[in-house]
Amino acid sequence: MVFAARGGGGTGRYLEWKIRLFFVAAVLLLVGIARELDLLVLLAILVLAGAFVLRFFERPPPVEEDDEDEAEAESEPARD
């Protein structure tokens, strides 16, 4: 495939907060543009930057031992 897998997968721990912050920033940006208020535009950029920073606080989910056992069983050839 063209895209390299980044590992981990899943949606992340803070996905809901990132979505909320995105919509807050979008509203701030649109109001700031419509009313020509540079302060609101800058605030929208800061909110988006805060949502971006959240990705660095996410931890990958712990690997369960059952998953490792299943992966090892699948990788080993079948014995008769």
Protein backbone atom coordinates (compact mmCIF):
# COMPACT_ATOMS: atom_id res chain seq x y z
CA MET A 1 0.00 0.00 0.00
CA VAL A 2 1.09 3.58 -0.54
CA PHE A 3 0.61 4.67 3.06
CA ALA A 4 2.95 3.37 5.73
CA ALA A 5 1.29 2.01 8.85
CA ARG A 6 2.12 4.09 11.90
CA GLY A 7 1.42 1.29 14.30
CA GLY A 8 -0.85 1.51 17.29
CA GLY A 9 -4.00 2.01 15.29
CA GLY A 10 -7.22 2.91 17.02
CA THR A 11 -8.66 6.35 17.44
CA GLY A 12 -6.63 7.65 20.32
CA ARG A 13 -7.50 8.53 23.85
CA TYR A 14 -8.31 12.19 23.24
CA LEU A 15 -10.20 11.92 19.96
CA GLU A 16 -13.41 13.41 21.36
CA TRP A 17 -11.52 16.37 22.83
CA LYS A 18 -9.66 16.97 19.58
CA ILE A 19 -12.95 17.02 17.67
CA ARG A 20 -14.52 19.44 20.16
CA LEU A 21 -11.51 21.74 20.02
CA PHE A 22 -11.56 21.64 16.22
CA PHE A 23 -15.17 22.81 16.11
CA VAL A 24 -14.56 25.51 18.72
CA ALA A 25 -11.61 26.74 16.68
CA ALA A 26 -13.68 26.67 13.49
CA VAL A 27 -16.40 28.83 15.06
CA LEU A 28 -13.83 31.25 16.48
CA LEU A 29 -12.15 31.50 13.09
CA LEU A 30 -15.37 32.14 11.18
CA VAL A 31 -16.56 34.76 13.66
CA GLY A 32 -13.11 36.36 13.69
CA ILE A 33 -13.03 36.55 9.90
CA ALA A 34 -16.61 37.84 9.63
CA ARG A 35 -16.11 40.56 12.25
CA GLU A 36 -12.51 41.22 11.21
CA LEU A 37 -11.18 40.56 14.71
CA ASP A 38 -7.59 39.41 14.54
CA LEU A 39 -7.69 38.40 18.20
CA LEU A 40 -10.34 35.73 17.51
CA VAL A 41 -8.38 34.40 14.54
CA LEU A 42 -5.25 34.11 16.69
CA LEU A 43 -7.27 32.45 19.44
CA ALA A 44 -8.60 29.92 16.91
CA ILE A 45 -5.02 29.13 15.88
CA LEU A 46 -4.05 28.62 19.52
CA VAL A 47 -7.00 26.29 20.10
CA LEU A 48 -6.00 24.23 17.05
CA ALA A 49 -2.42 24.11 18.31
CA GLY A 50 -3.71 22.86 21.68
CA ALA A 51 -5.64 20.09 19.94
CA PHE A 52 -2.49 19.14 18.03
CA VAL A 53 -0.45 18.98 21.23
CA LEU A 54 -2.93 16.48 22.71
CA ARG A 55 -1.61 13.82 20.35
CA PHE A 56 1.71 13.79 22.18
CA PHE A 57 0.05 12.95 25.50
CA GLU A 58 -1.62 9.82 24.16
CA ARG A 59 -0.16 6.52 25.23
CA PRO A 60 -0.54 3.39 23.18
CA PRO A 61 -2.96 0.88 24.68
CA PRO A 62 -1.28 -1.84 26.74
CA VAL A 63 -0.74 -5.08 24.89
CA GLU A 64 -2.66 -7.93 26.44
CA GLU A 65 -0.88 -11.24 26.90
CA ASP A 66 -3.72 -13.13 25.18
CA ASP A 67 -3.11 -11.17 21.98
CA GLU A 68 0.58 -12.04 22.04
CA ASP A 69 -0.18 -15.75 22.51
CA GLU A 70 -2.60 -15.71 19.58
CA ALA A 71 -0.08 -13.90 17.38
CA GLU A 72 2.61 -16.46 18.22
CA ALA A 73 0.23 -19.35 17.54
CA GLU A 74 -0.66 -17.92 14.13
CA SER A 75 2.96 -17.35 13.14
CA GLU A 76 4.10 -20.89 14.03
CA PRO A 77 3.51 -23.64 11.44
CA ALA A 78 0.84 -26.21 12.24
CA ARG A 79 2.13 -29.46 13.71
CA ASP A 80 0.44 -32.74 12.90
